[in-house]
Protein backbone atom coordinates (compact mmCIF):
# COMPACT_ATOMS: atom_id res chain seq x y z
CA UNK A 1 78.22 212.82 119.90
CA UNK A 2 81.34 211.00 118.85
CA UNK A 3 84.58 210.80 120.78
CA UNK A 4 87.85 210.10 119.00
CA UNK A 5 91.10 209.02 120.63
CA UNK A 6 94.34 208.74 118.66
CA UNK A 7 97.32 206.57 119.51
CA UNK A 8 100.59 205.75 117.81
CA UNK A 9 102.45 209.00 117.32
CA UNK A 10 106.13 209.32 118.03
CA UNK A 11 109.54 210.05 116.59
CA UNK A 12 111.32 208.11 113.86
CA UNK A 13 114.09 208.76 111.40
CA UNK A 14 113.51 209.58 107.78
CA UNK A 15 112.53 206.45 105.85
CA UNK A 16 110.95 204.85 108.88
CA UNK A 17 107.36 203.82 109.54
CA UNK A 18 104.65 204.58 112.05
CA UNK A 19 101.09 203.43 112.46
CA UNK A 20 98.42 205.71 113.86
CA UNK A 21 95.18 204.37 115.24
CA UNK A 22 91.97 206.07 116.25
CA UNK A 23 89.14 204.59 118.24
CA UNK A 24 85.68 206.09 118.01
CA UNK A 25 83.04 205.85 120.71
CA UNK A 26 79.56 207.24 121.16
CA UNK A 27 77.25 207.51 118.13
CA UNK A 28 79.60 205.61 115.84
CA UNK A 29 76.81 204.69 113.41
CA UNK A 30 76.92 208.29 112.16
CA UNK A 31 80.60 208.31 111.20
CA UNK A 32 80.14 208.01 107.45
CA UNK A 33 83.61 209.36 106.74
CA UNK A 34 86.65 208.98 108.95
CA UNK A 35 90.09 210.22 108.27
CA UNK A 36 93.35 211.84 109.21
CA UNK A 37 94.37 215.46 108.97
CA UNK A 38 97.61 217.10 110.02
CA UNK A 39 98.82 220.50 111.05
CA UNK A 40 102.13 222.20 111.65
CA UNK A 41 102.40 225.45 113.63
CA UNK A 42 101.61 228.47 111.52
CA UNK A 43 99.87 226.50 108.78
CA UNK A 44 96.32 225.42 108.13
CA UNK A 45 95.24 221.91 108.91
CA UNK A 46 95.35 219.74 105.79
CA UNK A 47 93.71 216.51 104.82
CA UNK A 48 95.94 213.44 104.66
CA UNK A 49 93.61 210.50 104.03
CA UNK A 50 89.89 209.81 104.35
CA UNK A 51 87.87 206.62 104.13
CA UNK A 52 84.13 206.22 103.69
CA UNK A 53 82.17 203.56 105.56
CA UNK A 54 82.10 201.45 102.37
CA UNK A 55 85.89 201.52 102.14
CA UNK A 56 86.30 204.16 99.44
CA UNK A 57 89.42 206.22 100.07
CA UNK A 58 91.02 209.49 99.12
CA UNK A 59 94.60 210.60 99.74
CA UNK A 60 96.56 213.82 99.61
CA UNK A 61 98.97 213.87 96.69
CA UNK A 62 101.96 214.39 98.98
CA UNK A 63 101.51 211.01 100.70
CA UNK A 64 100.16 208.81 97.94
CA UNK A 65 102.02 205.52 97.72
CA UNK A 66 103.47 205.93 101.21
CA UNK A 67 100.44 206.05 103.51
CA UNK A 68 97.51 203.65 103.70
CA UNK A 69 94.26 204.28 105.53
CA UNK A 70 92.09 201.44 106.74
CA UNK A 71 88.93 201.12 108.74
CA UNK A 72 87.35 198.45 110.91
CA UNK A 73 83.68 199.31 111.22
CA UNK A 74 83.02 196.52 113.71
CA UNK A 75 85.73 197.81 116.03
CA UNK A 76 85.02 201.48 115.29
CA UNK A 77 88.63 202.17 114.45
CA UNK A 78 90.51 203.87 111.66
CA UNK A 79 94.24 203.47 111.13
CA UNK A 80 96.93 205.15 109.10
CA UNK A 81 99.99 203.15 108.12
CA UNK A 82 102.77 205.57 107.28
CA UNK A 83 105.83 204.27 105.45
CA UNK A 84 108.90 205.98 104.01
CA UNK A 85 108.35 208.93 106.30
CA UNK A 86 109.98 212.23 105.46
CA UNK A 87 110.85 215.25 107.61
CA UNK A 88 108.05 217.18 105.91
CA UNK A 89 105.57 214.68 107.36
CA UNK A 90 106.33 216.10 110.81
CA UNK A 91 103.04 217.43 112.20
CA UNK A 92 100.32 216.87 114.71
CA UNK A 93 97.95 214.31 113.23
CA UNK A 94 94.25 214.50 114.01
CA UNK A 95 91.64 211.80 113.63
CA UNK A 96 88.35 213.11 112.27
CA UNK A 97 84.87 211.84 111.60
CA UNK A 98 82.07 213.37 109.56
CA UNK A 99 78.38 212.55 109.94
CA UNK A 100 77.09 213.73 106.55
CA UNK A 101 75.06 210.83 105.14
CA UNK A 102 76.42 211.38 101.64
CA UNK A 103 79.96 212.09 102.76
CA UNK A 104 82.50 211.62 99.98
CA UNK A 105 86.07 210.93 100.97
CA UNK A 106 87.59 213.30 98.41
CA UNK A 107 85.35 216.16 99.49
CA UNK A 108 85.90 215.72 103.24
CA UNK A 109 89.63 215.46 102.58
CA UNK A 110 89.57 218.75 100.69
CA UNK A 111 87.13 220.71 102.83
CA UNK A 112 87.66 219.38 106.34
CA UNK A 113 85.74 221.43 108.88
CA UNK A 114 83.96 223.34 106.10
CA UNK A 115 82.29 220.22 104.76
CA UNK A 116 78.62 219.36 105.19
CA UNK A 117 77.38 217.62 108.29
CA UNK A 118 78.90 217.63 111.71
CA UNK A 119 82.53 216.73 112.22
CA UNK A 120 84.36 215.50 115.26
CA UNK A 121 88.05 215.70 116.01
CA UNK A 122 90.50 213.95 118.26
CA UNK A 123 93.03 215.84 120.34
CA UNK A 124 95.88 214.98 118.01
CA UNK A 125 99.08 212.99 118.20
CA UNK A 126 102.52 214.34 117.35
CA UNK A 127 104.61 212.72 114.64
CA UNK A 128 108.22 213.85 114.36
CA UNK A 129 110.52 212.72 111.56
CA UNK A 130 114.22 213.45 111.83
CA UNK A 131 116.57 213.56 108.85
């Protein structure tokens, strides 16, 4: 079992920055991929950024060049630095971890809950961007 707790959401104006953090506890040795997904009401949850335990990353096209994912395996944390935020980035952001031994960032980003292995999710943190 893995528990994930997100911090860092909030409200900023367009063009601003926020940093989300997620701390994992429990069986953290199994978290081969960790990442961030987001969801707005009425839409499916979508992948934002995923990082493998070796540091390989994958990003959604809509946020490339603006968001950066990082991971501290010793501290069991994953962070998402979000710059140049836009109103369309408004969503609830979820931290996620996948236990598939051969987890690939691009595949977990694309498939989310449908991907191999067992996945764990945080409760989410709301990010609101005003224009």
